[in-house]
Amino acid sequence: MLLKFGPRFSGFIEVNSALGKASLDEDSGKSSGWALRGAVNLPVRERWNVQLDGQFAKLKFEDLSDQTMDFGAHAYYRREDRYAVGLYAQYERLSAATLSLGPMETSAGLEGAVFLSQSTVLGQVGLGKGRLEEQDASKLNGLIGARYYHTDNLRFDLDAGFEQLLSDDAALKTYSVSTAANYRLSNRPITAFGGYRYRSSSLTSGETHSEDMTSHGIVAGFRYHFGSTSLKDEERNGPLWTAAPYLDY
């Protein structure tokens, strides 16, 4: 049976930059980066949706630099006044070894959201594969987020994420917390946003605690939207899920 696509093709393109401080074991210094993100959502029949998203990011810490590419796909059922539930798959590629990571990671799992009149709560849990200390590693990741709409075009976000890579001889745990304020112009499809993000990673190899890395700082940028009339309308009828891992920031 052929799929019949609905008329509400929508999404956004975003550019952002970050500035902060990072610490790797006993070394600390300034960190910076920028990213280009995008997401599109396509209705498929009544209340069924497909979302595709991706990001290219360039990160720098002192003389070290890295770049990542992330791609995600989501298939889900949404009732815009009540809830959404679905499946996702994600691929991430790194340009250089960071904290003994391999060149790529994959994951897949479940995601869901609950819609209230002025707020949204959403979460994701998944399993995957990666490389750690030059060995194959299993991956467990999850996130939970909350959105509060002061108006349809003024939104405040709070998110927390967790990721664990586990190989035969090593384990890497990463935690992330972020906050953001988003304001979309009423007469233009443009949103300005800014916020704070914190990330902490801990690597254990064998019975030895070998590496810690923490980073925190501010992130700001702009989004250009298409196919939606407000931030709240986009979330309830367009791209819903995060366009890239929270842990990248």
C-alpha atoms as a PDB file:
ATOM      1  CA  MET A   1       0.000   0.000   0.000  1.00  0.00           C
ATOM      2  CA  LEU A   2       1.383   3.417  -0.938  1.00  0.00           C
ATOM      3  CA  LEU A   3       1.937   6.015   1.790  1.00  0.00           C
ATOM      4  CA  LYS A   4      -0.080   9.210   1.545  1.00  0.00           C
ATOM      5  CA  PHE A   5       1.799  12.236   2.845  1.00  0.00           C
ATOM      6  CA  GLY A   6      -0.019  15.028   4.649  1.00  0.00           C
ATOM      7  CA  PRO A   7       0.314  18.708   3.776  1.00  0.00           C
ATOM      8  CA  ARG A   8       2.197  19.906   6.872  1.00  0.00           C
ATOM      9  CA  PHE A   9       5.812  19.476   5.837  1.00  0.00           C
ATOM     10  CA  SER A  10       7.733  21.564   8.383  1.00  0.00           C
ATOM     11  CA  GLY A  11      11.099  21.978  10.057  1.00  0.00           C
ATOM     12  CA  PHE A  12      13.942  24.315  10.877  1.00  0.00           C
ATOM     13  CA  ILE A  13      17.569  25.161  10.153  1.00  0.00           C
ATOM     14  CA  GLU A  14      19.744  26.327  13.045  1.00  0.00           C
ATOM     15  CA  VAL A  15      23.197  27.764  13.559  1.00  0.00           C
ATOM     16  CA  ASN A  16      24.664  28.083  17.051  1.00  0.00           C
ATOM     17  CA  SER A  17      27.947  28.815  18.775  1.00  0.00           C
ATOM     18  CA  ALA A  18      29.308  27.908  22.209  1.00  0.00           C
ATOM     19  CA  LEU A  19      31.916  29.405  24.502  1.00  0.00           C
ATOM     20  CA  GLY A  20      32.999  28.003  27.835  1.00  0.00           C
ATOM     21  CA  LYS A  21      35.616  26.204  29.888  1.00  0.00           C
ATOM     22  CA  ALA A  22      36.688  22.566  29.815  1.00  0.00           C
ATOM     23  CA  SER A  23      38.885  20.436  32.060  1.00  0.00           C
ATOM     24  CA  LEU A  24      40.648  17.199  31.107  1.00  0.00           C
ATOM     25  CA  ASP A  25      42.166  15.583  34.194  1.00  0.00           C
ATOM     26  CA  GLU A  26      44.435  18.350  35.574  1.00  0.00           C
ATOM     27  CA  ASP A  27      44.437  20.475  32.426  1.00  0.00           C
ATOM     28  CA  SER A  28      41.838  23.187  31.946  1.00  0.00           C
ATOM     29  CA  GLY A  29      41.281  25.880  29.364  1.00  0.00           C
ATOM     30  CA  LYS A  30      38.805  27.648  27.148  1.00  0.00           C
ATOM     31  CA  SER A  31      36.523  25.676  24.863  1.00  0.00           C
ATOM     32  CA  SER A  32      34.556  26.863  21.865  1.00  0.00           C
ATOM     33  CA  GLY A  33      32.533  25.503  19.013  1.00  0.00           C
ATOM     34  CA  TRP A  34      29.811  26.000  16.472  1.00  0.00           C
ATOM     35  CA  ALA A  35      27.164  23.769  14.934  1.00  0.00           C
ATOM     36  CA  LEU A  36      24.723  23.633  12.060  1.00  0.00           C
ATOM     37  CA  ARG A  37      21.537  21.694  12.786  1.00  0.00           C
ATOM     38  CA  GLY A  38      18.383  20.880  10.897  1.00  0.00           C
ATOM     39  CA  ALA A  39      15.173  18.881  11.182  1.00  0.00           C
ATOM     40  CA  VAL A  40      12.170  18.122   8.984  1.00  0.00           C
ATOM     41  CA  ASN A  41       8.872  16.465   9.880  1.00  0.00           C
ATOM     42  CA  LEU A  42       6.501  14.777   7.455  1.00  0.00           C
ATOM     43  CA  PRO A  43       2.982  13.606   8.415  1.00  0.00           C
ATOM     44  CA  VAL A  44       2.173  10.120   7.119  1.00  0.00           C
ATOM     45  CA  ARG A  45      -1.549   9.398   7.211  1.00  0.00           C
ATOM     46  CA  GLU A  46      -3.528  10.590  10.226  1.00  0.00           C
ATOM     47  CA  ARG A  47      -1.377  11.258  13.337  1.00  0.00           C
ATOM     48  CA  TRP A  48       1.587   9.219  12.071  1.00  0.00           C
ATOM     49  CA  ASN A  49       4.827  11.140  11.468  1.00  0.00           C
ATOM     50  CA  VAL A  50       8.379  10.721  10.236  1.00  0.00           C
ATOM     51  CA  GLN A  51      11.123  13.095  11.402  1.00  0.00           C
ATOM     52  CA  LEU A  52      14.655  13.303   9.983  1.00  0.00           C
ATOM     53  CA  ASP A  53      17.353  15.406  11.602  1.00  0.00           C
ATOM     54  CA  GLY A  54      21.071  16.001  11.628  1.00  0.00           C
ATOM     55  CA  GLN A  55      23.927  18.118  12.868  1.00  0.00           C
ATOM     56  CA  PHE A  56      27.478  19.035  11.961  1.00  0.00           C
ATOM     57  CA  ALA A  57      29.519  20.404  14.876  1.00  0.00           C
ATOM     58  CA  LYS A  58      33.065  21.688  15.269  1.00  0.00           C
ATOM     59  CA  LEU A  59      34.500  21.710  18.801  1.00  0.00           C
ATOM     60  CA  LYS A  60      37.816  23.052  20.108  1.00  0.00           C
ATOM     61  CA  PHE A  61      39.668  22.758  23.435  1.00  0.00           C
ATOM     62  CA  GLU A  62      43.002  24.582  23.568  1.00  0.00           C
ATOM     63  CA  ASP A  63      45.067  22.976  20.748  1.00  0.00           C
ATOM     64  CA  LEU A  64      42.713  19.982  20.386  1.00  0.00           C
ATOM     65  CA  SER A  65      39.831  20.030  17.924  1.00  0.00           C
ATOM     66  CA  ASP A  66      37.164  17.594  16.853  1.00  0.00           C
ATOM     67  CA  GLN A  67      34.155  17.536  14.595  1.00  0.00           C
ATOM     68  CA  THR A  68      31.073  15.351  14.664  1.00  0.00           C
ATOM     69  CA  MET A  69      28.256  14.456  12.306  1.00  0.00           C
ATOM     70  CA  ASP A  70      24.948  13.164  13.659  1.00  0.00           C
ATOM     71  CA  PHE A  71      21.938  11.770  11.794  1.00  0.00           C
ATOM     72  CA  GLY A  72      18.636  10.648  13.274  1.00  0.00           C
ATOM     73  CA  ALA A  73      15.346   9.173  12.090  1.00  0.00           C
ATOM     74  CA  HIS A  74      12.094   8.991  14.061  1.00  0.00           C
ATOM     75  CA  ALA A  75       8.809   7.215  13.317  1.00  0.00           C
ATOM     76  CA  TYR A  76       6.033   8.025  15.766  1.00  0.00           C
ATOM     77  CA  TYR A  77       2.347   8.471  16.517  1.00  0.00           C
ATOM     78  CA  ARG A  78       1.222  11.856  17.856  1.00  0.00           C
ATOM     79  CA  ARG A  79      -1.977  13.298  19.226  1.00  0.00           C
ATOM     80  CA  GLU A  80      -1.043  16.984  19.393  1.00  0.00           C
ATOM     81  CA  ASP A  81      -3.245  17.696  22.412  1.00  0.00           C
ATOM     82  CA  ARG A  82      -2.209  14.648  24.452  1.00  0.00           C
ATOM     83  CA  TYR A  83       0.934  12.604  23.724  1.00  0.00           C
ATOM     84  CA  ALA A  84       3.426  11.175  21.240  1.00  0.00           C
ATOM     85  CA  VAL A  85       5.217   7.817  21.209  1.00  0.00           C
ATOM     86  CA  GLY A  86       7.564   6.205  18.716  1.00  0.00           C
ATOM     87  CA  LEU A  87      10.910   4.698  17.717  1.00  0.00           C
ATOM     88  CA  TYR A  88      14.205   6.336  16.769  1.00  0.00           C
ATOM     89  CA  ALA A  89      17.580   5.402  15.273  1.00  0.00           C
ATOM     90  CA  GLN A  90      20.736   7.530  15.380  1.00  0.00           C
ATOM     91  CA  TYR A  91      24.232   7.536  13.904  1.00  0.00           C
ATOM     92  CA  GLU A  92      27.153   9.650  15.118  1.00  0.00           C
ATOM     93  CA  ARG A  93      30.598   9.943  13.535  1.00  0.00           C
ATOM     94  CA  LEU A  94      33.644  11.509  15.205  1.00  0.00           C
ATOM     95  CA  SER A  95      36.643  12.879  13.338  1.00  0.00           C
ATOM     96  CA  ALA A  96      39.172  12.097  16.084  1.00  0.00           C
ATOM     97  CA  ALA A  97      39.542   9.905  19.157  1.00  0.00           C
ATOM     98  CA  THR A  98      38.161  11.722  22.206  1.00  0.00           C
ATOM     99  CA  LEU A  99      38.370  10.138  25.656  1.00  0.00           C
ATOM    100  CA  SER A 100      39.407   6.880  23.926  1.00  0.00           C
ATOM    101  CA  LEU A 101      36.215   6.754  21.831  1.00  0.00           C
ATOM    102  CA  GLY A 102      36.036   5.080  18.456  1.00  0.00           C
ATOM    103  CA  PRO A 103      35.148   6.767  15.165  1.00  0.00           C
ATOM    104  CA  MET A 104      31.386   6.178  15.313  1.00  0.00           C
ATOM    105  CA  GLU A 105      28.427   5.257  17.496  1.00  0.00           C
ATOM    106  CA  THR A 106      24.934   3.974  16.721  1.00  0.00           C
ATOM    107  CA  SER A 107      21.822   3.679  18.876  1.00  0.00           C
ATOM    108  CA  ALA A 108      18.099   2.938  18.632  1.00  0.00           C
ATOM    109  CA  GLY A 109      15.233   2.917  21.070  1.00  0.00           C
ATOM    110  CA  LEU A 110      11.961   4.345  22.315  1.00  0.00           C
ATOM    111  CA  GLU A 111      10.860   7.938  22.839  1.00  0.00           C
ATOM    112  CA  GLY A 112       7.728   9.567  24.156  1.00  0.00           C
ATOM    113  CA  ALA A 113       6.197  12.907  25.089  1.00  0.00           C
ATOM    114  CA  VAL A 114       3.240  14.159  27.129  1.00  0.00           C
ATOM    115  CA  PHE A 115       1.583  17.441  26.119  1.00  0.00           C
ATOM    116  CA  LEU A 116      -0.046  19.761  28.654  1.00  0.00           C
ATOM    117  CA  SER A 117      -1.660  23.133  28.026  1.00  0.00           C
ATOM    118  CA  GLN A 118       1.524  25.160  28.671  1.00  0.00           C
ATOM    119  CA  SER A 119       4.228  22.517  28.986  1.00  0.00           C
ATOM    120  CA  THR A 120       5.674  19.357  27.520  1.00  0.00           C
ATOM    121  CA  VAL A 121       7.613  16.497  29.111  1.00  0.00           C
ATOM    122  CA  LEU A 122       9.580  14.191  26.814  1.00  0.00           C
ATOM    123  CA  GLY A 123      12.075  11.365  27.173  1.00  0.00           C
ATOM    124  CA  GLN A 124      14.166   8.855  25.270  1.00  0.00           C
ATOM    125  CA  VAL A 125      15.930   5.591  26.103  1.00  0.00           C
ATOM    126  CA  GLY A 126      18.062   3.520  23.756  1.00  0.00           C
ATOM    127  CA  LEU A 127      20.717   0.866  23.242  1.00  0.00           C
ATOM    128  CA  GLY A 128      23.546   0.857  20.766  1.00  0.00           C
ATOM    129  CA  LYS A 129      27.152   0.120  19.878  1.00  0.00           C
ATOM    130  CA  GLY A 130      30.426   2.028  19.812  1.00  0.00           C
ATOM    131  CA  ARG A 131      34.176   1.707  20.388  1.00  0.00           C
ATOM    132  CA  LEU A 132      36.030   2.271  23.636  1.00  0.00           C
ATOM    133  CA  GLU A 133      39.738   1.685  24.289  1.00  0.00           C
ATOM    134  CA  GLU A 134      39.963   0.071  20.813  1.00  0.00           C
ATOM    135  CA  GLN A 135      37.335  -2.526  21.759  1.00  0.00           C
ATOM    136  CA  ASP A 136      33.707  -3.017  20.787  1.00  0.00           C
ATOM    137  CA  ALA A 137      31.434  -1.474  23.400  1.00  0.00           C
ATOM    138  CA  SER A 138      27.746  -1.599  24.230  1.00  0.00           C
ATOM    139  CA  LYS A 139      25.914   1.676  24.649  1.00  0.00           C
ATOM    140  CA  LEU A 140      23.076   2.737  26.941  1.00  0.00           C
ATOM    141  CA  ASN A 141      21.669   6.245  26.652  1.00  0.00           C
ATOM    142  CA  GLY A 142      18.693   8.198  27.912  1.00  0.00           C
ATOM    143  CA  LEU A 143      17.399  11.725  28.289  1.00  0.00           C
ATOM    144  CA  ILE A 144      14.507  13.576  29.831  1.00  0.00           C
ATOM    145  CA  GLY A 145      13.394  17.114  29.079  1.00  0.00           C
ATOM    146  CA  ALA A 146      10.738  19.652  30.004  1.00  0.00           C
ATOM    147  CA  ARG A 147       9.413  22.617  27.982  1.00  0.00           C
ATOM    148  CA  TYR A 148       7.403  25.479  29.456  1.00  0.00           C
ATOM    149  CA  TYR A 149       5.545  27.931  27.207  1.00  0.00           C
ATOM    150  CA  HIS A 150       5.103  31.375  28.724  1.00  0.00           C
ATOM    151  CA  THR A 151       3.497  32.252  25.393  1.00  0.00           C
ATOM    152  CA  ASP A 152       3.283  30.283  22.159  1.00  0.00           C
ATOM    153  CA  ASN A 153       6.515  32.013  21.040  1.00  0.00           C
ATOM    154  CA  LEU A 154       8.444  32.168  24.340  1.00  0.00           C
ATOM    155  CA  ARG A 155       9.677  28.814  25.632  1.00  0.00           C
ATOM    156  CA  PHE A 156      11.992  27.715  28.451  1.00  0.00           C
ATOM    157  CA  ASP A 157      13.770  24.336  28.296  1.00  0.00           C
ATOM    158  CA  LEU A 158      15.398  22.087  30.893  1.00  0.00           C
ATOM    159  CA  ASP A 159      17.095  18.858  29.777  1.00  0.00           C
ATOM    160  CA  ALA A 160      19.221  16.113  31.329  1.00  0.00           C
ATOM    161  CA  GLY A 161      21.007  13.266  29.548  1.00  0.00           C
ATOM    162  CA  PHE A 162      22.989  10.125  30.392  1.00  0.00           C
ATOM    163  CA  GLU A 163      25.197   7.842  28.307  1.00  0.00           C
ATOM    164  CA  GLN A 164      27.295   4.790  29.165  1.00  0.00           C
ATOM    165  CA  LEU A 165      29.748   2.910  26.958  1.00  0.00           C
ATOM    166  CA  LEU A 166      30.875  -0.441  28.336  1.00  0.00           C
ATOM    167  CA  SER A 167      33.552  -2.736  26.871  1.00  0.00           C
ATOM    168  CA  ASP A 168      35.309  -5.761  28.378  1.00  0.00           C
ATOM    169  CA  ASP A 169      37.995  -3.626  30.041  1.00  0.00           C
ATOM    170  CA  ALA A 170      36.638  -0.077  30.227  1.00  0.00           C
ATOM    171  CA  ALA A 171      33.586   2.014  31.021  1.00  0.00           C
ATOM    172  CA  LEU A 172      32.750   5.591  30.078  1.00  0.00           C
ATOM    173  CA  LYS A 173      29.881   7.441  31.758  1.00  0.00           C
ATOM    174  CA  THR A 174      28.676  10.849  30.606  1.00  0.00           C
ATOM    175  CA  TYR A 175      26.103  13.197  32.141  1.00  0.00           C
ATOM    176  CA  SER A 176      24.671  16.379  30.660  1.00  0.00           C
ATOM    177  CA  VAL A 177      22.386  19.156  31.908  1.00  0.00           C
ATOM    178  CA  SER A 178      21.200  22.139  29.874  1.00  0.00           C
ATOM    179  CA  THR A 179      18.830  25.085  30.107  1.00  0.00           C
ATOM    180  CA  ALA A 180      17.663  27.410  27.332  1.00  0.00           C
ATOM    181  CA  ALA A 181      15.310  30.277  26.547  1.00  0.00           C
ATOM    182  CA  ASN A 182      13.781  30.494  23.045  1.00  0.00           C
ATOM    183  CA  TYR A 183      11.970  33.498  21.563  1.00  0.00           C
ATOM    184  CA  ARG A 184      10.390  33.453  18.101  1.00  0.00           C
ATOM    185  CA  LEU A 185       9.443  36.685  16.367  1.00  0.00           C
ATOM    186  CA  SER A 186       5.692  36.981  15.864  1.00  0.00           C
ATOM    187  CA  ASN A 187       5.988  38.341  12.308  1.00  0.00           C
ATOM    188  CA  ARG A 188       9.055  36.393  11.129  1.00  0.00           C
ATOM    189  CA  PRO A 189       9.873  32.642  11.196  1.00  0.00           C
ATOM    190  CA  ILE A 190      13.066  33.284  13.180  1.00  0.00           C
ATOM    191  CA  THR A 191      13.925  32.223  16.733  1.00  0.00           C
ATOM    192  CA  ALA A 192      16.749  33.551  18.891  1.00  0.00           C
ATOM    193  CA  PHE A 193      17.873  31.311  21.758  1.00  0.00           C
ATOM    194  CA  GLY A 194      20.514  31.112  24.438  1.00  0.00           C
ATOM    195  CA  GLY A 195      21.323  28.950  27.418  1.00  0.00           C
ATOM    196  CA  TYR A 196      23.795  27.121  29.638  1.00  0.00           C
ATOM    197  CA  ARG A 197      25.071  23.580  29.212  1.00  0.00           C
ATOM    198  CA  TYR A 198      27.165  21.305  31.462  1.00  0.00           C
ATOM    199  CA  ARG A 199      28.773  17.997  30.517  1.00  0.00           C
ATOM    200  CA  SER A 200      30.813  15.539  32.608  1.00  0.00           C
ATOM    201  CA  SER A 201      32.542  12.331  31.460  1.00  0.00           C
ATOM    202  CA  SER A 202      34.382   9.738  33.539  1.00  0.00           C
ATOM    203  CA  LEU A 203      36.507   6.928  32.043  1.00  0.00           C
ATOM    204  CA  THR A 204      37.515   3.829  34.004  1.00  0.00           C
ATOM    205  CA  SER A 205      39.946   1.340  32.444  1.00  0.00           C
ATOM    206  CA  GLY A 206      40.290  -1.992  34.224  1.00  0.00           C
ATOM    207  CA  GLU A 207      40.290  -1.172  37.924  1.00  0.00           C
ATOM    208  CA  THR A 208      41.894   2.227  37.325  1.00  0.00           C
ATOM    209  CA  HIS A 209      40.061   5.540  37.119  1.00  0.00           C
ATOM    210  CA  SER A 210      41.992   7.017  34.205  1.00  0.00           C
ATOM    211  CA  GLU A 211      40.319  10.136  32.737  1.00  0.00           C
ATOM    212  CA  ASP A 212      37.785  12.798  33.672  1.00  0.00           C
ATOM    213  CA  MET A 213      36.495  15.566  31.440  1.00  0.00           C
ATOM    214  CA  THR A 214      34.049  18.323  32.292  1.00  0.00           C
ATOM    215  CA  SER A 215      32.849  21.274  30.246  1.00  0.00           C
ATOM    216  CA  HIS A 216      30.382  24.073  30.755  1.00  0.00           C
ATOM    217  CA  GLY A 217      29.475  27.309  29.063  1.00  0.00           C
ATOM    218  CA  ILE A 218      26.915  29.323  27.185  1.00  0.00           C
ATOM    219  CA  VAL A 219      25.313  28.493  23.848  1.00  0.00           C
ATOM    220  CA  ALA A 220      23.446  30.946  21.613  1.00  0.00           C
ATOM    221  CA  GLY A 221      22.106  30.969  18.090  1.00  0.00           C
ATOM    222  CA  PHE A 222      19.264  31.396  15.622  1.00  0.00           C
ATOM    223  CA  ARG A 223      16.746  29.111  13.901  1.00  0.00           C
ATOM    224  CA  TYR A 224      14.851  29.635  10.685  1.00  0.00           C
ATOM    225  CA  HIS A 225      11.497  27.814  10.646  1.00  0.00           C
ATOM    226  CA  PHE A 226       9.287  26.703   7.780  1.00  0.00           C
ATOM    227  CA  GLY A 227       5.805  25.194   7.806  1.00  0.00           C
ATOM    228  CA  SER A 228       4.830  26.352  11.319  1.00  0.00           C
ATOM    229  CA  THR A 229       3.284  29.454  12.874  1.00  0.00           C
ATOM    230  CA  SER A 230       4.821  29.435  16.381  1.00  0.00           C
ATOM    231  CA  LEU A 231       7.196  27.480  18.614  1.00  0.00           C
ATOM    232  CA  LYS A 232       4.293  25.640  20.206  1.00  0.00           C
ATOM    233  CA  ASP A 233       2.678  24.893  16.841  1.00  0.00           C
ATOM    234  CA  GLU A 234       5.972  23.470  15.558  1.00  0.00           C
ATOM    235  CA  GLU A 235       6.322  21.149  18.566  1.00  0.00           C
ATOM    236  CA  ARG A 236       2.735  19.900  18.432  1.00  0.00           C
ATOM    237  CA  ASN A 237       2.548  19.538  14.623  1.00  0.00           C
ATOM    238  CA  GLY A 238       6.144  19.570  13.301  1.00  0.00           C
ATOM    239  CA  PRO A 239       9.583  18.363  14.483  1.00  0.00           C
ATOM    240  CA  LEU A 240       9.261  17.232  18.085  1.00  0.00           C
ATOM    241  CA  TRP A 241      12.402  15.326  19.004  1.00  0.00           C
ATOM    242  CA  THR A 242      15.888  16.681  19.577  1.00  0.00           C
ATOM    243  CA  ALA A 243      17.858  17.072  16.349  1.00  0.00           C
ATOM    244  CA  ALA A 244      21.129  15.906  17.901  1.00  0.00           C
ATOM    245  CA  PRO A 245      22.380  14.318  21.119  1.00  0.00           C
ATOM    246  CA  TYR A 246      22.272  16.599  24.144  1.00  0.00           C
ATOM    247  CA  LEU A 247      25.633  15.158  25.151  1.00  0.00           C
ATOM    248  CA  ASP A 248      27.464  16.797  22.239  1.00  0.00           C
ATOM    249  CA  TYR A 249      27.327  20.255  23.770  1.00  0.00           C
END
